[in-house]
Amino acid sequence: MTPHILTRSLDRAATAFVLLVAAVGVLIPLSNLLLPQGSMFQVPTYLVALWGKYVCYAILALSIDLIWGYCGILSLGHGAFFALGGYAMGMYLMRQIGSRGVYGNPILPDFMVFLNWDKLPWYWYGFDKFAFAALMVLLVPGLLAFCFGWLAFRSRVTGVYLSIITQAMTYALLLAFFRNDFGFGGNNGLTDFKDILGFNVQAEGTRAALFLLSCLALIIAFLICRAIVTSKLGKVLIAVRDAESRTRFLGYRVESYKLFVFTLSACMAGVAGALYVPQVGIINPSEFAPGNSIEAVIWVAVGGRGTLIGAALGAVVVNYAKTFFTSGPLAPYWLFMLGALFILVTLLLPKGIVGTFHSWWEPIRARRNSPDAESAAREDGVGAPNLAE
């Protein structure tokens, strides 16, 4: 039987990663819901939400590694796609509040009533339905990425110039969403969520379900990325990364490949943002800040560019360190520590954590396998050539 397209590309490490994420996605919610409070193995609800946020960041890191690690597209604006997916989910959650808001308006969100809006803007229509909001989570970031990529890649903008343009894009969106008349809550953003699909977003069961869904989304995103990078398409992407001009000379439409993977990556980032918002409880324009996109690139660099597993690992490790160090006396120095971490990794571990481990492990595995190969060759009657002959 032919293996499924999403699983046939898994090697031992990838399978272990999928099983680990699945185990975490099941055990943490069960520990939170079934074990009594005060138990040594009981995971508090706030930690479930915190680790859910880390999982969403891991999906964002995967989306960046797909385009940067395998296609050579360094995007410094991927936080924009993450935030757009978050706003699409936030709009749905705001429509679910209804008359339970501060002003009791069944149609208009509280910030619109406060700003004396008399009717709902047209681009808010349909967000009272979850299916429509889920479609917008994919469509809005994907459409923006498609339009941006079509213009940029068709003009053959590459390298640092493309990175600067992506950063300018997210900064422009930051300024737009800060405006009160833009219809997205201005500086305060969207918050005070009540329900999602009829369930209280603050309930322990809902948070556990959101964590499980986030882990499932991470597994699916990893399988999609793995299927792409191990296929013939992935080989073309690597060729584009290593020698774009030569790949174009061989007859490949490089712009089409880059546009496809860039759009897919944006959709993945949008899904991560949509899962992030109900677990954090707020979405505001600060998510568009260029610094967030740069920090996401650092996650990938720390974990290991072009490894997928390393990107997800880097997102979790760096954000856990951020949570740990920003809650104590070292909080004012976190950005300096993050910059120092990036410099140290670049100088000492240029392949990242996972990439460096692979470079160390491969020679050891080769030495372990070589005696087995030699003994097998002798059993077949084939030995090393005799130089004296």
Protein backbone atom coordinates (compact mmCIF):
# COMPACT_ATOMS: atom_id res chain seq x y z
CA MET A 1 0.00 0.00 0.00
CA THR A 2 1.35 3.41 -0.94
CA PRO A 3 1.90 5.57 2.17
CA HIS A 4 -0.11 8.74 2.52
CA ILE A 5 1.41 11.81 0.92
CA LEU A 6 1.71 13.61 4.28
CA THR A 7 3.37 10.72 6.13
CA ARG A 8 5.51 8.89 3.58
CA SER A 9 8.24 11.57 3.87
CA LEU A 10 8.74 11.09 7.61
CA ASP A 11 12.07 9.80 8.83
CA ARG A 12 12.85 8.68 12.36
CA ALA A 13 13.41 12.17 13.75
CA ALA A 14 10.30 13.59 12.07
CA THR A 15 8.17 10.71 13.35
CA ALA A 16 9.51 11.23 16.87
CA PHE A 17 8.68 14.94 16.64
CA VAL A 18 5.10 14.24 15.52
CA LEU A 19 4.60 11.68 18.29
CA LEU A 20 6.05 14.07 20.88
CA VAL A 21 3.74 16.92 19.86
CA ALA A 22 0.75 14.56 19.84
CA ALA A 23 1.64 13.26 23.30
CA VAL A 24 2.03 16.77 24.68
CA GLY A 25 -1.24 17.84 23.04
CA VAL A 26 -3.09 15.04 24.83
CA LEU A 27 -1.30 14.76 28.18
CA ILE A 28 -1.26 18.44 29.15
CA PRO A 29 -5.04 18.94 28.72
CA LEU A 30 -5.74 15.67 30.53
CA SER A 31 -3.46 16.68 33.37
CA ASN A 32 -5.23 20.01 33.62
CA LEU A 33 -8.76 18.59 33.56
CA LEU A 34 -8.51 15.26 35.37
CA LEU A 35 -5.94 15.72 38.12
CA PRO A 36 -6.93 17.60 41.30
CA GLN A 37 -5.51 21.04 42.01
CA GLY A 38 -2.41 20.86 44.14
CA SER A 39 -1.26 17.62 42.56
CA MET A 40 2.38 17.55 41.54
CA PHE A 41 1.44 16.50 38.00
CA GLN A 42 -1.50 18.88 37.56
CA VAL A 43 -0.86 21.58 34.93
CA PRO A 44 -2.53 24.89 35.86
CA THR A 45 -4.84 26.53 33.36
CA TYR A 46 -2.58 29.54 32.91
CA LEU A 47 0.26 27.23 31.87
CA VAL A 48 -2.02 25.52 29.35
CA ALA A 49 -2.68 28.92 27.75
CA LEU A 50 1.02 29.84 27.93
CA TRP A 51 2.17 26.65 26.24
CA GLY A 52 -0.62 27.05 23.71
CA LYS A 53 0.92 30.39 22.81
CA TYR A 54 4.29 28.72 22.37
CA VAL A 55 2.75 26.16 20.02
CA CYS A 56 1.27 28.96 17.91
CA TYR A 57 4.68 30.57 17.74
CA ALA A 58 6.11 27.24 16.61
CA ILE A 59 3.67 27.20 13.67
CA LEU A 60 4.77 30.73 12.76
CA ALA A 61 8.41 29.62 12.93
CA LEU A 62 7.65 26.68 10.62
CA SER A 63 6.11 29.04 8.08
CA ILE A 64 9.25 31.20 8.12
CA ASP A 65 11.60 28.23 7.89
CA LEU A 66 9.72 26.95 4.85
CA ILE A 67 10.50 30.09 2.84
CA TRP A 68 13.82 31.09 4.39
CA GLY A 69 15.44 27.76 5.13
CA TYR A 70 14.41 26.04 1.89
CA CYS A 71 13.78 28.82 -0.63
CA GLY A 72 16.08 31.59 0.58
CA ILE A 73 13.30 34.18 1.04
CA LEU A 74 14.10 36.14 4.20
CA SER A 75 10.84 37.77 5.22
CA LEU A 76 11.01 40.37 7.97
CA GLY A 77 7.29 40.98 7.81
CA HIS A 78 5.72 37.60 8.52
CA GLY A 79 4.28 38.99 11.72
CA ALA A 80 1.81 40.85 9.50
CA PHE A 81 0.26 37.61 8.24
CA PHE A 82 0.19 36.28 11.80
CA ALA A 83 -1.61 39.42 12.98
CA LEU A 84 -4.10 39.42 10.08
CA GLY A 85 -5.13 35.86 10.93
CA GLY A 86 -5.47 36.95 14.54
CA TYR A 87 -7.65 39.92 13.63
CA ALA A 88 -9.90 37.72 11.50
CA MET A 89 -10.49 35.43 14.50
CA GLY A 90 -10.80 38.44 16.81
CA MET A 91 -13.56 39.91 14.65
CA TYR A 92 -15.51 36.67 14.95
CA LEU A 93 -15.03 36.64 18.73
CA MET A 94 -16.16 40.27 18.98
CA ARG A 95 -19.35 39.51 17.05
CA GLN A 96 -20.09 36.71 19.53
CA ILE A 97 -20.22 39.16 22.45
CA GLY A 98 -23.52 40.65 21.26
CA SER A 99 -25.52 42.47 23.91
CA ARG A 100 -23.19 41.30 26.71
CA GLY A 101 -20.82 44.17 25.98
CA VAL A 102 -20.42 47.24 28.17
CA TYR A 103 -22.85 49.26 26.06
CA GLY A 104 -25.26 46.40 25.40
CA ASN A 105 -25.39 46.89 21.62
CA PRO A 106 -26.26 43.56 19.98
CA ILE A 107 -24.57 44.44 16.67
CA LEU A 108 -21.78 46.98 17.22
CA PRO A 109 -18.70 46.13 19.29
CA ASP A 110 -18.08 48.36 22.31
CA PHE A 111 -15.30 50.39 20.68
CA MET A 112 -17.57 51.30 17.78
CA VAL A 113 -20.30 52.48 20.16
CA PHE A 114 -17.71 54.52 22.07
CA LEU A 115 -16.55 56.15 18.82
CA ASN A 116 -20.17 56.93 17.83
CA TRP A 117 -20.32 54.59 14.85
CA ASP A 118 -23.91 54.27 13.69
CA LYS A 119 -23.61 51.04 11.71
CA LEU A 120 -21.35 48.07 11.22
CA PRO A 121 -18.70 48.53 8.48
CA TRP A 122 -19.18 46.32 5.43
CA TYR A 123 -15.95 44.41 6.02
CA TRP A 124 -17.33 43.16 9.34
CA TYR A 125 -20.26 41.41 7.63
CA GLY A 126 -20.15 37.65 7.82
CA PHE A 127 -17.87 37.45 10.84
CA ASP A 128 -20.75 36.34 13.01
CA LYS A 129 -20.31 32.94 11.32
CA PHE A 130 -17.33 30.78 12.30
CA ALA A 131 -17.00 29.21 8.84
CA PHE A 132 -16.68 32.64 7.23
CA ALA A 133 -14.12 33.75 9.81
CA ALA A 134 -12.10 30.55 9.30
CA LEU A 135 -12.10 31.20 5.55
CA MET A 136 -10.87 34.76 6.11
CA VAL A 137 -8.09 33.47 8.37
CA LEU A 138 -6.64 31.77 5.28
CA LEU A 139 -7.85 34.11 2.55
CA VAL A 140 -6.78 37.51 3.89
CA PRO A 141 -3.11 36.65 4.67
CA GLY A 142 -2.92 34.45 1.57
CA LEU A 143 -4.32 37.14 -0.72
CA LEU A 144 -1.99 39.80 0.66
CA ALA A 145 1.00 37.46 0.28
CA PHE A 146 -0.05 36.54 -3.26
CA CYS A 147 -0.39 40.18 -4.37
CA PHE A 148 2.82 41.24 -2.63
CA GLY A 149 4.77 38.24 -3.90
CA TRP A 150 3.47 38.58 -7.45
CA LEU A 151 4.71 42.16 -7.63
CA ALA A 152 8.00 41.52 -5.84
CA PHE A 153 9.03 38.22 -7.44
CA ARG A 154 7.92 39.30 -10.90
CA SER A 155 10.18 42.33 -10.51
CA ARG A 156 12.95 39.96 -9.33
CA VAL A 157 13.38 41.71 -6.00
CA THR A 158 15.58 39.46 -3.89
CA GLY A 159 17.92 39.47 -0.93
CA VAL A 160 18.07 42.33 1.49
CA TYR A 161 15.84 44.48 -0.71
CA LEU A 162 12.99 41.99 -0.37
CA SER A 163 13.53 41.83 3.39
CA ILE A 164 13.30 45.60 3.68
CA ILE A 165 10.12 45.71 1.60
CA THR A 166 8.45 43.07 3.76
CA GLN A 167 9.40 45.06 6.84
CA ALA A 168 7.95 48.21 5.30
CA MET A 169 4.73 46.33 4.54
CA THR A 170 4.19 45.26 8.14
CA TYR A 171 5.06 48.74 9.41
CA ALA A 172 2.49 50.28 7.07
CA LEU A 173 -0.14 47.89 8.42
CA LEU A 174 0.91 48.80 11.95
CA LEU A 175 0.23 52.48 11.28
CA ALA A 176 -3.09 51.70 9.59
CA PHE A 177 -4.42 49.53 12.39
CA PHE A 178 -3.46 52.12 14.99
CA ARG A 179 -6.05 54.52 13.51
CA ASN A 180 -9.37 54.62 15.35
CA ASP A 181 -11.27 55.27 12.12
CA PHE A 182 -9.90 52.08 10.53
CA GLY A 183 -12.55 49.99 12.25
CA PHE A 184 -10.40 47.56 14.24
CA GLY A 185 -10.25 49.08 17.70
CA GLY A 186 -7.28 51.37 17.19
CA ASN A 187 -4.55 51.17 19.81
CA ASN A 188 -6.62 48.97 22.14
CA GLY A 189 -7.38 46.41 19.46
CA LEU A 190 -9.94 43.66 20.03
CA THR A 191 -10.44 42.11 23.47
CA ASP A 192 -12.97 41.11 26.14
CA PHE A 193 -13.90 37.94 24.27
CA LYS A 194 -16.71 35.80 25.67
CA ASP A 195 -17.46 32.73 23.57
CA ILE A 196 -16.06 30.66 20.74
CA LEU A 197 -18.49 28.26 19.06
CA GLY A 198 -20.76 28.69 22.06
CA PHE A 199 -18.10 27.76 24.64
CA ASN A 200 -16.70 30.16 27.22
CA VAL A 201 -13.16 31.08 26.16
CA GLN A 202 -12.10 31.39 29.81
CA ALA A 203 -13.30 27.90 30.78
CA GLU A 204 -10.68 25.26 31.52
CA GLY A 205 -12.19 22.84 29.05
CA THR A 206 -12.13 25.42 26.26
CA ARG A 207 -8.51 26.31 26.92
CA ALA A 208 -7.57 22.63 26.95
CA ALA A 209 -9.39 22.11 23.64
CA LEU A 210 -7.65 25.14 22.10
CA PHE A 211 -4.29 23.76 23.20
CA LEU A 212 -5.10 20.40 21.64
CA LEU A 213 -6.19 22.09 18.40
CA SER A 214 -2.98 24.13 18.36
CA CYS A 215 -0.89 20.97 18.67
CA LEU A 216 -2.94 19.34 15.92
CA ALA A 217 -2.39 22.38 13.70
CA LEU A 218 1.35 22.20 14.42
CA ILE A 219 1.43 18.55 13.38
CA ILE A 220 -0.49 19.25 10.18
CA ALA A 221 1.72 22.24 9.34
CA PHE A 222 4.84 20.15 9.95
CA LEU A 223 3.55 17.31 7.77
CA ILE A 224 2.72 19.73 4.95
CA CYS A 225 6.14 21.37 5.14
CA ARG A 226 7.87 18.00 5.34
CA ALA A 227 5.94 16.68 2.34
CA ILE A 228 6.94 19.76 0.34
CA VAL A 229 10.65 19.85 1.20
CA THR A 230 11.17 16.12 0.55
CA SER A 231 9.37 16.17 -2.81
CA LYS A 232 10.57 17.25 -6.24
CA LEU A 233 9.10 20.66 -5.46
CA GLY A 234 11.35 20.87 -2.42
CA LYS A 235 14.41 20.09 -4.54
CA VAL A 236 13.51 22.95 -6.87
CA LEU A 237 13.06 25.27 -3.89
CA ILE A 238 16.51 24.35 -2.61
CA ALA A 239 17.93 24.95 -6.07
CA VAL A 240 16.30 28.38 -6.09
CA ARG A 241 17.86 29.09 -2.69
CA ASP A 242 21.35 27.99 -3.70
CA ALA A 243 21.50 29.14 -7.34
CA GLU A 244 18.46 31.09 -8.48
CA SER A 245 19.97 32.29 -11.76
CA ARG A 246 21.08 28.80 -12.73
CA THR A 247 17.66 27.36 -11.86
CA ARG A 248 15.99 29.99 -14.03
CA PHE A 249 18.44 29.20 -16.85
CA LEU A 250 17.42 25.52 -16.68
CA GLY A 251 13.88 26.52 -17.59
CA TYR A 252 12.11 26.61 -14.23
CA ARG A 253 9.69 29.47 -13.60
CA VAL A 254 11.34 30.57 -10.39
CA GLU A 255 8.78 33.29 -9.69
CA SER A 256 5.93 30.77 -9.65
CA TYR A 257 7.68 28.50 -7.17
CA LYS A 258 8.54 31.40 -4.87
CA LEU A 259 5.02 32.80 -5.10
CA PHE A 260 3.45 29.45 -4.22
CA VAL A 261 5.60 28.79 -1.18
CA PHE A 262 5.34 32.40 0.02
CA THR A 263 1.53 32.32 -0.15
CA LEU A 264 1.34 28.95 1.59
CA SER A 265 3.65 30.23 4.31
CA ALA A 266 1.43 33.28 4.85
CA CYS A 267 -1.65 31.06 5.22
CA MET A 268 0.17 28.99 7.85
CA ALA A 269 1.09 32.16 9.73
CA GLY A 270 -2.55 33.27 9.58
CA VAL A 271 -3.70 29.99 11.14
CA ALA A 272 -1.13 30.44 13.91
CA GLY A 273 -2.47 33.93 14.61
CA ALA A 274 -6.07 32.70 14.66
CA LEU A 275 -5.25 30.05 17.28
CA TYR A 276 -3.17 32.53 19.25
CA VAL A 277 -5.91 35.13 19.82
CA PRO A 278 -8.51 33.14 21.83
CA GLN A 279 -5.77 31.74 24.07
CA VAL A 280 -4.15 35.10 24.77
CA GLY A 281 -7.43 37.04 24.88
CA ILE A 282 -6.41 40.11 22.90
CA ILE A 283 -5.15 41.24 19.50
CA ASN A 284 -3.86 44.77 18.92
CA PRO A 285 -1.63 46.60 16.41
CA SER A 286 1.51 45.81 18.39
CA GLU A 287 1.46 42.37 16.73
CA PHE A 288 2.35 44.16 13.48
CA ALA A 289 5.51 45.62 15.00
CA PRO A 290 8.53 44.84 12.78
CA GLY A 291 10.42 43.74 15.88
CA ASN A 292 8.08 40.79 16.27
CA SER A 293 8.86 39.57 12.76
CA ILE A 294 12.59 39.95 13.35
CA GLU A 295 12.28 38.04 16.61
CA ALA A 296 10.50 35.21 14.78
CA VAL A 297 13.44 34.99 12.37
CA ILE A 298 15.75 34.69 15.37
CA TRP A 299 13.71 31.70 16.59
CA VAL A 300 14.40 29.93 13.31
CA ALA A 301 18.09 30.84 13.37
CA VAL A 302 18.50 29.61 16.95
CA GLY A 303 16.69 26.33 16.34
CA GLY A 304 18.25 25.63 12.97
CA ARG A 305 17.41 27.07 9.59
CA GLY A 306 16.29 24.51 7.04
CA THR A 307 15.46 21.79 9.57
CA LEU A 308 11.74 22.39 10.36
CA ILE A 309 12.08 20.65 13.72
CA GLY A 310 14.70 23.20 14.73
CA ALA A 311 12.41 26.10 13.83
CA ALA A 312 9.66 24.81 16.11
CA LEU A 313 12.17 24.03 18.86
CA GLY A 314 13.74 27.48 18.58
CA ALA A 315 10.35 29.17 18.93
CA VAL A 316 9.59 27.28 22.13
CA VAL A 317 13.07 27.69 23.65
CA VAL A 318 13.42 31.41 22.95
CA ASN A 319 9.90 32.24 24.10
CA TYR A 320 10.29 30.20 27.26
CA ALA A 321 13.49 32.11 27.95
CA LYS A 322 11.64 35.34 27.27
CA THR A 323 8.92 34.41 29.76
CA PHE A 324 11.50 33.44 32.36
CA PHE A 325 13.79 36.44 32.05
CA THR A 326 11.13 39.14 31.59
CA SER A 327 9.45 38.26 34.88
CA GLY A 328 12.40 39.21 37.08
CA PRO A 329 15.09 41.86 37.53
CA LEU A 330 16.55 41.06 34.08
CA ALA A 331 13.38 42.20 32.29
CA PRO A 332 14.84 45.56 31.05
CA TYR A 333 17.76 43.72 29.48
CA TRP A 334 15.84 41.04 27.59
CA LEU A 335 16.28 42.63 24.16
CA PHE A 336 20.03 42.86 24.75
CA MET A 337 20.09 39.22 25.78
CA LEU A 338 18.10 38.27 22.69
CA GLY A 339 20.53 40.15 20.45
CA ALA A 340 23.48 38.53 22.20
CA LEU A 341 21.86 35.11 21.75
CA PHE A 342 21.47 35.71 18.03
CA ILE A 343 25.11 36.84 17.70
CA LEU A 344 26.42 33.87 19.68
CA VAL A 345 24.38 31.40 17.68
CA THR A 346 25.52 32.99 14.42
CA LEU A 347 29.19 32.81 15.44
CA LEU A 348 29.33 29.55 17.38
CA LEU A 349 26.34 27.57 16.06
CA PRO A 350 25.73 28.87 12.54
CA LYS A 351 23.50 25.88 11.77
CA GLY A 352 21.40 26.36 14.89
CA ILE A 353 20.78 23.85 17.65
CA VAL A 354 19.32 21.06 15.52
CA GLY A 355 21.60 21.71 12.53
CA THR A 356 24.70 21.56 14.73
CA PHE A 357 23.47 18.36 16.37
CA HIS A 358 22.99 16.80 12.93
CA SER A 359 26.51 17.81 11.87
CA TRP A 360 27.92 16.19 15.01
CA TRP A 361 25.78 13.07 14.82
CA GLU A 362 26.20 12.21 11.14
CA PRO A 363 29.92 11.24 11.37
CA ILE A 364 29.20 9.15 14.46
CA ARG A 365 26.36 7.34 12.73
CA ALA A 366 28.50 6.83 9.64
CA ARG A 367 31.25 5.23 11.73
CA ARG A 368 28.71 3.00 13.43
CA ASN A 369 27.24 1.86 10.15
CA SER A 370 30.53 1.28 8.33
CA PRO A 371 31.47 -2.02 10.10
CA ASP A 372 27.99 -3.37 9.40
CA ALA A 373 28.33 -2.49 5.74
CA GLU A 374 31.77 -4.11 5.55
CA SER A 375 30.60 -7.34 7.21
CA ALA A 376 27.57 -7.49 4.91
CA ALA A 377 29.83 -7.07 1.91
CA ARG A 378 32.04 -9.94 3.09
CA GLU A 379 29.02 -12.19 3.50
CA ASP A 380 28.14 -11.47 -0.13
CA GLY A 381 31.66 -12.40 -1.18
CA VAL A 382 32.66 -8.83 -1.92
CA GLY A 383 35.52 -7.37 0.04
CA ALA A 384 37.84 -4.44 -0.09
CA PRO A 385 40.12 -4.42 -3.15
CA ASN A 386 43.60 -5.85 -2.69
CA LEU A 387 46.02 -3.15 -3.68
CA ALA A 388 48.82 -5.71 -4.12
CA GLU A 389 46.91 -7.28 -6.97
